[in-house]
C-alpha atoms as a PDB file:
ATOM      1  CA  MET A   1       0.046   0.206  -0.299  1.00  0.00           C
ATOM      2  CA  LEU A   2       1.213   3.431  -1.079  1.00  0.00           C
ATOM      3  CA  TYR A   3       0.053   5.047   2.261  1.00  0.00           C
ATOM      4  CA  PHE A   4       1.052   2.570   4.420  1.00  0.00           C
ATOM      5  CA  LYS A   5       3.688   4.739   6.421  1.00  0.00           C
ATOM      6  CA  GLU A   6       1.036   6.632   7.779  1.00  0.00           C
ATOM      7  CA  LEU A   7      -0.945   3.785   8.972  1.00  0.00           C
ATOM      8  CA  GLU A   8       2.314   2.776  10.538  1.00  0.00           C
ATOM      9  CA  ILE A   9       2.582   6.072  12.509  1.00  0.00           C
ATOM     10  CA  ALA A  10      -0.842   5.487  13.762  1.00  0.00           C
ATOM     11  CA  GLU A  11      -0.287   2.427  14.954  1.00  0.00           C
ATOM     12  CA  LYS A  12       2.310   3.504  17.062  1.00  0.00           C
ATOM     13  CA  ARG A  13       0.415   6.818  18.384  1.00  0.00           C
ATOM     14  CA  LYS A  14      -2.384   4.917  19.249  1.00  0.00           C
ATOM     15  CA  GLU A  15      -2.423   6.006  22.920  1.00  0.00           C
ATOM     16  CA  ILE A  16      -1.268   9.458  21.954  1.00  0.00           C
ATOM     17  CA  ASN A  17      -4.459   9.834  19.432  1.00  0.00           C
ATOM     18  CA  ALA A  18      -6.670   8.433  22.496  1.00  0.00           C
ATOM     19  CA  LYS A  19      -5.568  10.618  24.923  1.00  0.00           C
ATOM     20  CA  GLN A  20      -5.545  13.700  22.276  1.00  0.00           C
ATOM     21  CA  VAL A  21      -9.279  12.650  21.535  1.00  0.00           C
ATOM     22  CA  GLU A  22     -10.046  12.122  25.245  1.00  0.00           C
ATOM     23  CA  LYS A  23      -8.634  15.520  25.860  1.00  0.00           C
ATOM     24  CA  LEU A  24     -10.633  17.087  23.309  1.00  0.00           C
ATOM     25  CA  LYS A  25     -14.077  15.511  24.102  1.00  0.00           C
ATOM     26  CA  ARG A  26     -13.496  16.925  27.596  1.00  0.00           C
ATOM     27  CA  LYS A  27     -12.637  20.652  26.393  1.00  0.00           C
ATOM     28  CA  LYS A  28     -14.418  20.633  23.373  1.00  0.00           C
ATOM     29  CA  PRO A  29     -12.631  23.591  21.631  1.00  0.00           C
ATOM     30  CA  SER A  30     -14.570  25.990  20.061  1.00  0.00           C
ATOM     31  CA  ASN A  31     -12.281  26.043  16.988  1.00  0.00           C
ATOM     32  CA  LEU A  32     -12.173  22.323  16.683  1.00  0.00           C
ATOM     33  CA  ASP A  33     -14.284  21.723  13.532  1.00  0.00           C
ATOM     34  CA  LYS A  34     -12.225  24.693  11.779  1.00  0.00           C
ATOM     35  CA  VAL A  35      -8.865  22.847  12.881  1.00  0.00           C
ATOM     36  CA  PHE A  36     -10.157  19.512  11.395  1.00  0.00           C
ATOM     37  CA  GLN A  37     -11.398  21.641   8.306  1.00  0.00           C
ATOM     38  CA  GLU A  38      -8.543  22.933   7.432  1.00  0.00           C
ATOM     39  CA  LEU A  39      -6.394  19.595   8.321  1.00  0.00           C
ATOM     40  CA  HIS A  40      -8.761  18.058   5.915  1.00  0.00           C
ATOM     41  CA  ASP A  41      -8.297  20.273   2.907  1.00  0.00           C
ATOM     42  CA  GLU A  42      -4.386  20.214   3.646  1.00  0.00           C
ATOM     43  CA  VAL A  43      -4.181  16.583   3.752  1.00  0.00           C
ATOM     44  CA  PHE A  44      -6.200  15.823   0.748  1.00  0.00           C
ATOM     45  CA  GLU A  45      -4.333  17.828  -1.204  1.00  0.00           C
ATOM     46  CA  GLU A  46      -1.151  15.288  -0.726  1.00  0.00           C
ATOM     47  CA  ILE A  47      -3.399  11.987  -0.334  1.00  0.00           C
ATOM     48  CA  ASP A  48      -5.133  10.807  -3.281  1.00  0.00           C
ATOM     49  CA  CYS A  49      -8.244   8.360  -2.501  1.00  0.00           C
ATOM     50  CA  LEU A  50      -7.764   6.145  -5.659  1.00  0.00           C
ATOM     51  CA  ASN A  51      -4.039   5.232  -4.641  1.00  0.00           C
ATOM     52  CA  CYS A  52      -5.214   3.650  -1.224  1.00  0.00           C
ATOM     53  CA  ALA A  53      -9.062   2.562  -0.980  1.00  0.00           C
ATOM     54  CA  ASN A  54      -8.319   0.925   2.359  1.00  0.00           C
ATOM     55  CA  CYS A  55     -11.449   1.906   3.438  1.00  0.00           C
ATOM     56  CA  CYS A  56     -13.053  -0.241   0.794  1.00  0.00           C
ATOM     57  CA  LYS A  57     -10.630  -3.038   1.244  1.00  0.00           C
ATOM     58  CA  THR A  58     -11.266  -3.445   4.821  1.00  0.00           C
ATOM     59  CA  THR A  59     -14.148  -2.081   6.125  1.00  0.00           C
ATOM     60  CA  SER A  60     -17.933  -2.002   5.436  1.00  0.00           C
ATOM     61  CA  PRO A  61     -20.327   1.075   5.130  1.00  0.00           C
ATOM     62  CA  ILE A  62     -23.606   1.050   6.896  1.00  0.00           C
ATOM     63  CA  PHE A  63     -26.349   0.915   4.099  1.00  0.00           C
ATOM     64  CA  TYR A  64     -29.122   2.872   4.910  1.00  0.00           C
ATOM     65  CA  MET A  65     -32.362   1.813   3.371  1.00  0.00           C
ATOM     66  CA  LYS A  66     -32.277   4.966   1.266  1.00  0.00           C
ATOM     67  CA  ASP A  67     -28.543   3.607  -0.039  1.00  0.00           C
ATOM     68  CA  ILE A  68     -30.230   0.499  -1.026  1.00  0.00           C
ATOM     69  CA  GLU A  69     -32.785   1.634  -2.803  1.00  0.00           C
ATOM     70  CA  ARG A  70     -30.203   4.305  -5.104  1.00  0.00           C
ATOM     71  CA  ALA A  71     -27.661   1.520  -5.596  1.00  0.00           C
ATOM     72  CA  ALA A  72     -30.522  -1.288  -6.338  1.00  0.00           C
ATOM     73  CA  LYS A  73     -31.604   1.233  -8.968  1.00  0.00           C
ATOM     74  CA  ALA A  74     -28.487   1.646 -10.537  1.00  0.00           C
ATOM     75  CA  LEU A  75     -27.660  -2.063 -10.706  1.00  0.00           C
ATOM     76  CA  ARG A  76     -31.271  -2.480 -11.963  1.00  0.00           C
ATOM     77  CA  MET A  77     -32.113  -4.607  -8.956  1.00  0.00           C
ATOM     78  CA  LYS A  78     -35.165  -4.580  -6.719  1.00  0.00           C
ATOM     79  CA  PRO A  79     -33.911  -3.562  -3.255  1.00  0.00           C
ATOM     80  CA  ASN A  80     -34.596  -7.306  -1.724  1.00  0.00           C
ATOM     81  CA  ALA A  81     -32.570  -8.688  -4.351  1.00  0.00           C
ATOM     82  CA  PHE A  82     -29.904  -6.035  -3.662  1.00  0.00           C
ATOM     83  CA  ILE A  83     -29.970  -6.874   0.477  1.00  0.00           C
ATOM     84  CA  GLU A  84     -29.883 -10.972  -0.238  1.00  0.00           C
ATOM     85  CA  GLN A  85     -27.136 -10.258  -2.840  1.00  0.00           C
ATOM     86  CA  TYR A  86     -24.708  -8.013  -0.992  1.00  0.00           C
ATOM     87  CA  LEU A  87     -25.749  -7.293   2.163  1.00  0.00           C
ATOM     88  CA  LYS A  88     -25.943  -8.767   6.006  1.00  0.00           C
ATOM     89  CA  ILE A  89     -27.210  -7.519   9.252  1.00  0.00           C
ATOM     90  CA  ASP A  90     -24.143  -6.631  11.580  1.00  0.00           C
ATOM     91  CA  GLU A  91     -24.687  -6.743  15.720  1.00  0.00           C
ATOM     92  CA  ASP A  92     -26.011  -3.417  15.531  1.00  0.00           C
ATOM     93  CA  LYS A  93     -28.670  -4.170  13.478  1.00  0.00           C
ATOM     94  CA  ASP A  94     -27.214  -2.402  10.429  1.00  0.00           C
ATOM     95  CA  TYR A  95     -27.169  -3.266   6.916  1.00  0.00           C
ATOM     96  CA  ILE A  96     -23.443  -3.715   5.601  1.00  0.00           C
ATOM     97  CA  LEU A  97     -21.556  -5.756   3.016  1.00  0.00           C
ATOM     98  CA  LYS A  98     -21.285  -9.082   3.491  1.00  0.00           C
ATOM     99  CA  SER A  99     -17.575  -9.387   2.519  1.00  0.00           C
ATOM    100  CA  SER A 100     -14.690  -7.126   1.949  1.00  0.00           C
ATOM    101  CA  PRO A 101     -13.116  -5.888  -0.091  1.00  0.00           C
ATOM    102  CA  CYS A 102     -15.938  -4.027  -1.334  1.00  0.00           C
ATOM    103  CA  VAL A 103     -17.801  -6.019  -4.711  1.00  0.00           C
ATOM    104  CA  PHE A 104     -18.202  -2.859  -6.061  1.00  0.00           C
ATOM    105  CA  LEU A 105     -14.366  -1.751  -6.129  1.00  0.00           C
ATOM    106  CA  ASP A 106     -12.790  -2.815  -9.143  1.00  0.00           C
ATOM    107  CA  TYR A 107      -9.348  -3.173  -9.877  1.00  0.00           C
ATOM    108  CA  ASP A 108      -8.154   0.527 -10.140  1.00  0.00           C
ATOM    109  CA  ASN A 109      -9.568   1.484  -7.059  1.00  0.00           C
ATOM    110  CA  TYR A 110     -12.739   2.793  -8.751  1.00  0.00           C
ATOM    111  CA  CYS A 111     -16.219   2.560  -7.335  1.00  0.00           C
ATOM    112  CA  THR A 112     -18.401   1.155  -9.675  1.00  0.00           C
ATOM    113  CA  ILE A 113     -21.486   2.688  -8.271  1.00  0.00           C
ATOM    114  CA  TYR A 114     -19.611   5.782  -7.051  1.00  0.00           C
ATOM    115  CA  LYS A 115     -22.416   8.258  -7.981  1.00  0.00           C
ATOM    116  CA  ASP A 116     -24.956   5.704  -6.371  1.00  0.00           C
ATOM    117  CA  ARG A 117     -22.453   5.163  -3.162  1.00  0.00           C
ATOM    118  CA  PRO A 118     -23.990   4.911   0.362  1.00  0.00           C
ATOM    119  CA  THR A 119     -24.094   8.135   2.283  1.00  0.00           C
ATOM    120  CA  ALA A 120     -21.237   6.604   4.597  1.00  0.00           C
ATOM    121  CA  CYS A 121     -18.896   6.219   1.550  1.00  0.00           C
ATOM    122  CA  ARG A 122     -19.684   9.975   0.166  1.00  0.00           C
ATOM    123  CA  ASP A 123     -18.933  11.042   3.578  1.00  0.00           C
ATOM    124  CA  TYR A 124     -15.713   9.165   4.612  1.00  0.00           C
ATOM    125  CA  PRO A 125     -13.538   9.864   6.723  1.00  0.00           C
ATOM    126  CA  HIS A 126     -16.109  12.578   7.908  1.00  0.00           C
ATOM    127  CA  THR A 127     -12.945  14.859   8.901  1.00  0.00           C
ATOM    128  CA  ASP A 128     -14.758  17.549   7.269  1.00  0.00           C
ATOM    129  CA  ARG A 129     -17.865  18.107   9.212  1.00  0.00           C
ATOM    130  CA  LYS A 130     -19.542  20.054  11.538  1.00  0.00           C
ATOM    131  CA  ARG A 131     -19.639  19.102  15.153  1.00  0.00           C
ATOM    132  CA  ILE A 132     -16.378  16.592  14.787  1.00  0.00           C
ATOM    133  CA  VAL A 133     -16.375  16.361  18.543  1.00  0.00           C
ATOM    134  CA  GLN A 134     -19.819  14.229  18.477  1.00  0.00           C
ATOM    135  CA  ILE A 135     -17.530  11.257  16.216  1.00  0.00           C
ATOM    136  CA  LEU A 136     -14.092  11.777  17.621  1.00  0.00           C
ATOM    137  CA  ASP A 137     -14.466   8.066  18.719  1.00  0.00           C
ATOM    138  CA  LEU A 138     -15.000   7.272  15.296  1.00  0.00           C
ATOM    139  CA  THR A 139     -12.418   9.492  13.712  1.00  0.00           C
ATOM    140  CA  LEU A 140      -9.804   7.583  16.174  1.00  0.00           C
ATOM    141  CA  LYS A 141     -10.798   4.314  14.532  1.00  0.00           C
ATOM    142  CA  ASN A 142     -10.528   5.594  11.329  1.00  0.00           C
ATOM    143  CA  ALA A 143      -6.952   6.562  11.880  1.00  0.00           C
ATOM    144  CA  ASN A 144      -6.088   2.978  11.550  1.00  0.00           C
ATOM    145  CA  VAL A 145      -8.289   2.186   8.417  1.00  0.00           C
ATOM    146  CA  CYS A 146      -7.337   5.911   6.565  1.00  0.00           C
ATOM    147  CA  PRO A 147      -4.046   7.374   6.193  1.00  0.00           C
ATOM    148  CA  ALA A 148      -5.510  10.816   5.566  1.00  0.00           C
ATOM    149  CA  VAL A 149      -6.936  10.531   8.962  1.00  0.00           C
ATOM    150  CA  ALA A 150      -3.774   9.257  10.275  1.00  0.00           C
ATOM    151  CA  LYS A 151      -2.114  12.077   9.008  1.00  0.00           C
ATOM    152  CA  ILE A 152      -4.484  14.457  10.122  1.00  0.00           C
ATOM    153  CA  PHE A 153      -3.990  13.231  13.552  1.00  0.00           C
ATOM    154  CA  THR A 154      -0.199  13.726  13.604  1.00  0.00           C
ATOM    155  CA  LYS A 155      -0.870  17.115  12.418  1.00  0.00           C
ATOM    156  CA  LEU A 156      -3.433  17.610  14.938  1.00  0.00           C
ATOM    157  CA  ASP A 157      -2.069  20.555  17.503  1.00  0.00           C
ATOM    158  CA  ILE A 158      -5.077  21.994  19.893  1.00  0.00           C
END
């Protein structure tokens, strides 16, 4: 993987990042969204998701019913057939992919249902959203999957 170094650094910084997240959740800095947005923009100027796709190779997004309907329509399937062919229900009672890597990821790391992909994929890695403090635990987990998030944590100084 091209960005393996960032994930290695995230693994080494696991405790540091976890402490940082706990501190941010406690203090809730008023500029946290702005800091994350700026770091998100900076890091994604350097990192190209098409050279990585680790998220698509290792994890599954949650598929909400609107995502299922949109993807099924794009594939000219009925939603129930889409569910039966591609999805399972996880321990949280959410629909997720039956297997990884994602069945919709092609050999060039392109998504074959890109314009109809699930909302979770559209928003991933969620580092440019408002009220980031509410999803800091998820962001911390994503640092072990996404080199961009790992890099954001190394640059985070707040």
